[in-house]
Amino acid sequence: EGLQTLTMGGDFNHPLAPGVLPAGLLVLHLGNDFDQPLAVGVLPAGLLTLKLSDEFNHLLPAGVLPEGLLTLTLGLQFNHPLPAGVLPTSLRELTLGSQFEMSLDVVVLPEGLQALTIDGDYSPYMETGALPSSLQRLILTRCYFPDSLVGRWPMGLEERMLGLFESRPLEVCELSGGVQIVTACSCRGVGTV
């Protein structure tokens, strides 16, 4: 009962203290200007979806994100490591914004993650095991896919979106290993291969 979805206005940029947000909140979208650090206990334990603002650029300490969180969108400006213990094991969808330039070796992705979107203008460095085997959807909207992972998809990967700036030819191994949908994005539109 009570408030389950809360969207803060675009100009909202005030600190949030523990106990301020309703305990029954399931969905929280923080406005475009929100750029305040989040402390342990600020976010309700039952929160399922969190969208941080485009301006948010603070380190997320372990324990800040609720253990049952399913969907997390980190805004445009977020550019911090996400070491072990930061992202909850329950997380199924993660979106990293356009300013995220961390190597994915400083990001520990939960093993149950099913969808990963990286909206940056760079080629993220990833070790072969950086992507969890549970990953089904990988979208790199504006970046090159690292050559180190070509043909080394997680076995469950069903969909891959090619980046806006990716211009090298596709190789047969990129379309194998369980990938069922490959989408090519460009400034001229989107097409499915």
Protein backbone atom coordinates (compact mmCIF):
# COMPACT_ATOMS: atom_id res chain seq x y z
CA GLU A 1 0.00 0.00 0.00
CA GLY A 2 0.96 3.62 -0.30
CA LEU A 3 3.17 5.28 -2.85
CA GLN A 4 4.88 2.76 -5.14
CA THR A 5 6.31 4.96 -7.94
CA LEU A 6 8.04 8.29 -7.42
CA THR A 7 9.49 10.53 -10.12
CA MET A 8 11.33 13.60 -8.88
CA GLY A 9 11.11 16.81 -10.88
CA GLY A 10 13.90 17.86 -13.22
CA ASP A 11 15.27 20.51 -10.84
CA PHE A 12 15.26 18.35 -7.70
CA ASN A 13 18.75 18.33 -6.17
CA HIS A 14 18.47 17.97 -2.40
CA PRO A 15 20.08 15.41 -0.08
CA LEU A 16 17.97 12.39 0.83
CA ALA A 17 18.16 11.11 4.40
CA PRO A 18 17.31 7.57 5.55
CA GLY A 19 13.57 7.18 6.21
CA VAL A 20 12.48 10.05 3.92
CA LEU A 21 11.42 7.85 0.99
CA PRO A 22 8.32 5.68 1.54
CA ALA A 23 9.14 2.14 2.67
CA GLY A 24 6.77 0.63 0.06
CA LEU A 25 8.40 2.42 -2.89
CA LEU A 26 9.07 0.09 -5.84
CA VAL A 27 10.14 2.51 -8.60
CA LEU A 28 12.25 5.67 -8.13
CA HIS A 29 13.34 8.09 -10.86
CA LEU A 30 15.49 10.94 -9.63
CA GLY A 31 15.19 14.18 -11.65
CA ASN A 32 17.72 15.32 -14.24
CA ASP A 33 19.60 17.60 -11.84
CA PHE A 34 19.91 15.26 -8.84
CA ASP A 35 23.60 15.09 -7.89
CA GLN A 36 23.73 14.19 -4.20
CA PRO A 37 25.60 11.26 -2.64
CA LEU A 38 23.48 8.33 -1.51
CA ALA A 39 24.14 6.72 1.85
CA VAL A 40 23.27 3.25 3.11
CA GLY A 41 19.63 3.19 4.24
CA VAL A 42 18.40 6.02 1.99
CA LEU A 43 16.81 3.75 -0.63
CA PRO A 44 13.88 1.59 0.51
CA ALA A 45 14.74 -2.11 0.92
CA GLY A 46 11.94 -3.20 -1.47
CA LEU A 47 12.94 -0.89 -4.35
CA LEU A 48 12.92 -2.75 -7.69
CA THR A 49 13.77 -0.01 -10.23
CA LEU A 50 16.13 2.93 -9.79
CA LYS A 51 16.94 5.53 -12.41
CA LEU A 52 19.57 8.00 -11.28
CA SER A 53 19.67 11.44 -12.86
CA ASP A 54 21.85 12.49 -15.76
CA GLU A 55 23.90 14.68 -13.38
CA PHE A 56 24.49 12.00 -10.72
CA ASN A 57 28.22 11.30 -10.43
CA HIS A 58 29.02 9.94 -6.97
CA LEU A 59 30.67 6.77 -5.82
CA LEU A 60 28.16 4.11 -4.81
CA PRO A 61 29.43 2.39 -1.66
CA ALA A 62 28.56 -1.27 -1.04
CA GLY A 63 25.16 -1.58 0.62
CA VAL A 64 23.61 1.58 -0.87
CA LEU A 65 21.63 -0.28 -3.52
CA PRO A 66 18.84 -2.49 -2.14
CA GLU A 67 19.45 -6.25 -2.29
CA GLY A 68 16.29 -6.88 -4.35
CA LEU A 69 16.93 -4.20 -7.02
CA LEU A 70 16.16 -5.53 -10.53
CA THR A 71 16.77 -2.54 -12.83
CA LEU A 72 19.41 0.18 -12.47
CA THR A 73 20.05 3.10 -14.81
CA LEU A 74 23.12 5.18 -14.05
CA GLY A 75 22.85 8.63 -15.64
CA LEU A 76 24.97 10.32 -18.27
CA GLN A 77 27.62 11.73 -15.91
CA PHE A 78 28.23 8.61 -13.77
CA ASN A 79 31.86 7.51 -14.06
CA HIS A 80 32.99 5.44 -11.05
CA PRO A 81 34.12 1.85 -10.51
CA LEU A 82 31.51 -0.69 -9.48
CA PRO A 83 33.54 -3.22 -7.47
CA ALA A 84 32.23 -6.41 -5.85
CA GLY A 85 29.41 -5.76 -3.41
CA VAL A 86 28.10 -2.57 -5.06
CA LEU A 87 25.69 -4.10 -7.59
CA PRO A 88 23.17 -6.40 -5.90
CA THR A 89 23.08 -10.04 -7.00
CA SER A 90 19.37 -9.61 -7.85
CA LEU A 91 20.13 -7.07 -10.63
CA ARG A 92 18.78 -8.12 -14.05
CA GLU A 93 19.18 -4.92 -16.14
CA LEU A 94 21.99 -2.36 -16.01
CA THR A 95 22.42 0.79 -18.11
CA LEU A 96 25.66 2.80 -17.99
CA GLY A 97 25.56 6.38 -19.31
CA SER A 98 27.57 8.13 -22.00
CA GLN A 99 30.29 9.47 -19.67
CA PHE A 100 31.05 6.06 -18.18
CA GLU A 101 34.65 5.42 -19.19
CA MET A 102 35.70 2.84 -16.63
CA SER A 103 37.31 -0.34 -17.81
CA LEU A 104 34.93 -3.21 -17.17
CA ASP A 105 37.63 -4.91 -15.14
CA VAL A 106 36.66 -2.48 -12.31
CA VAL A 107 33.00 -3.42 -12.70
CA VAL A 108 31.80 -6.64 -11.13
CA LEU A 109 28.61 -7.58 -12.95
CA PRO A 110 26.19 -9.83 -11.06
CA GLU A 111 26.01 -13.38 -12.38
CA GLY A 112 22.24 -13.10 -12.91
CA LEU A 113 22.45 -9.98 -15.10
CA GLN A 114 20.37 -10.43 -18.26
CA ALA A 115 20.66 -7.07 -20.05
CA LEU A 116 23.58 -4.63 -20.25
CA THR A 117 23.50 -1.30 -22.08
CA ILE A 118 26.61 0.86 -22.40
CA ASP A 119 25.90 4.25 -23.95
CA GLY A 120 29.49 5.52 -24.09
CA ASP A 121 31.67 6.83 -26.91
CA TYR A 122 34.56 4.52 -26.10
CA SER A 123 35.55 0.91 -26.44
CA PRO A 124 35.25 -0.67 -22.99
CA TYR A 125 38.10 -2.97 -22.04
CA MET A 126 36.71 -6.34 -21.00
CA GLU A 127 38.41 -9.55 -20.05
CA THR A 128 36.88 -12.66 -21.58
CA GLY A 129 35.00 -13.53 -18.37
CA ALA A 130 33.75 -9.98 -17.69
CA LEU A 131 30.29 -10.64 -19.11
CA PRO A 132 28.18 -12.98 -16.99
CA SER A 133 26.98 -16.21 -18.60
CA SER A 134 23.38 -15.18 -17.85
CA LEU A 135 23.59 -12.16 -20.21
CA GLN A 136 20.92 -12.33 -22.92
CA ARG A 137 21.01 -8.79 -24.33
CA LEU A 138 24.05 -6.59 -24.93
CA ILE A 139 23.68 -3.08 -26.33
CA LEU A 140 26.68 -0.85 -27.03
CA THR A 141 24.91 2.14 -28.53
CA ARG A 142 27.79 4.39 -29.52
CA CYS A 143 31.00 2.48 -28.97
CA TYR A 144 33.16 -0.07 -30.66
CA PHE A 145 32.92 -3.59 -29.35
CA PRO A 146 36.26 -4.76 -27.97
CA ASP A 147 38.07 -7.12 -30.34
CA SER A 148 39.08 -9.24 -27.34
CA LEU A 149 35.48 -10.47 -27.03
CA VAL A 150 34.66 -11.10 -30.69
CA GLY A 151 33.26 -14.62 -30.86
CA ARG A 152 33.46 -15.08 -27.07
CA TRP A 153 29.89 -14.24 -26.17
CA PRO A 154 28.24 -15.61 -23.07
CA MET A 155 26.41 -18.78 -24.12
CA GLY A 156 22.99 -17.30 -23.33
CA LEU A 157 23.45 -14.10 -25.34
CA GLU A 158 20.47 -13.75 -27.67
CA GLU A 159 20.70 -10.14 -28.82
CA ARG A 160 23.57 -7.80 -29.60
CA MET A 161 23.35 -4.22 -30.82
CA LEU A 162 26.30 -2.88 -32.78
CA GLY A 163 27.59 0.56 -31.90
CA LEU A 164 27.05 3.74 -33.85
CA PHE A 165 30.76 4.11 -34.65
CA GLU A 166 31.51 0.44 -35.34
CA SER A 167 32.53 0.26 -38.97
CA ARG A 168 34.56 -2.94 -39.26
CA PRO A 169 32.96 -5.85 -41.13
CA LEU A 170 31.05 -8.48 -39.20
CA GLU A 171 32.75 -11.83 -38.83
CA VAL A 172 30.97 -15.18 -38.81
CA CYS A 173 32.02 -15.83 -35.20
CA GLU A 174 30.22 -12.64 -34.15
CA LEU A 175 26.91 -14.10 -35.27
CA SER A 176 27.30 -17.45 -33.56
CA GLY A 177 27.27 -18.77 -30.01
CA GLY A 178 23.54 -18.30 -29.45
CA VAL A 179 23.18 -14.73 -30.79
CA GLN A 180 19.74 -14.62 -32.42
CA ILE A 181 19.31 -10.90 -33.09
CA VAL A 182 22.00 -8.48 -34.25
CA THR A 183 20.95 -4.85 -34.67
CA ALA A 184 23.13 -2.27 -36.41
CA CYS A 185 22.72 1.33 -35.23
CA SER A 186 23.84 4.42 -37.05
CA CYS A 187 22.93 8.06 -37.34
CA ARG A 188 20.90 7.01 -40.41
CA GLY A 189 18.75 4.61 -38.42
CA VAL A 190 18.61 1.14 -37.00
CA GLY A 191 18.41 -2.11 -38.94
CA THR A 192 18.34 -5.78 -37.97
CA VAL A 193 20.80 -8.16 -39.61
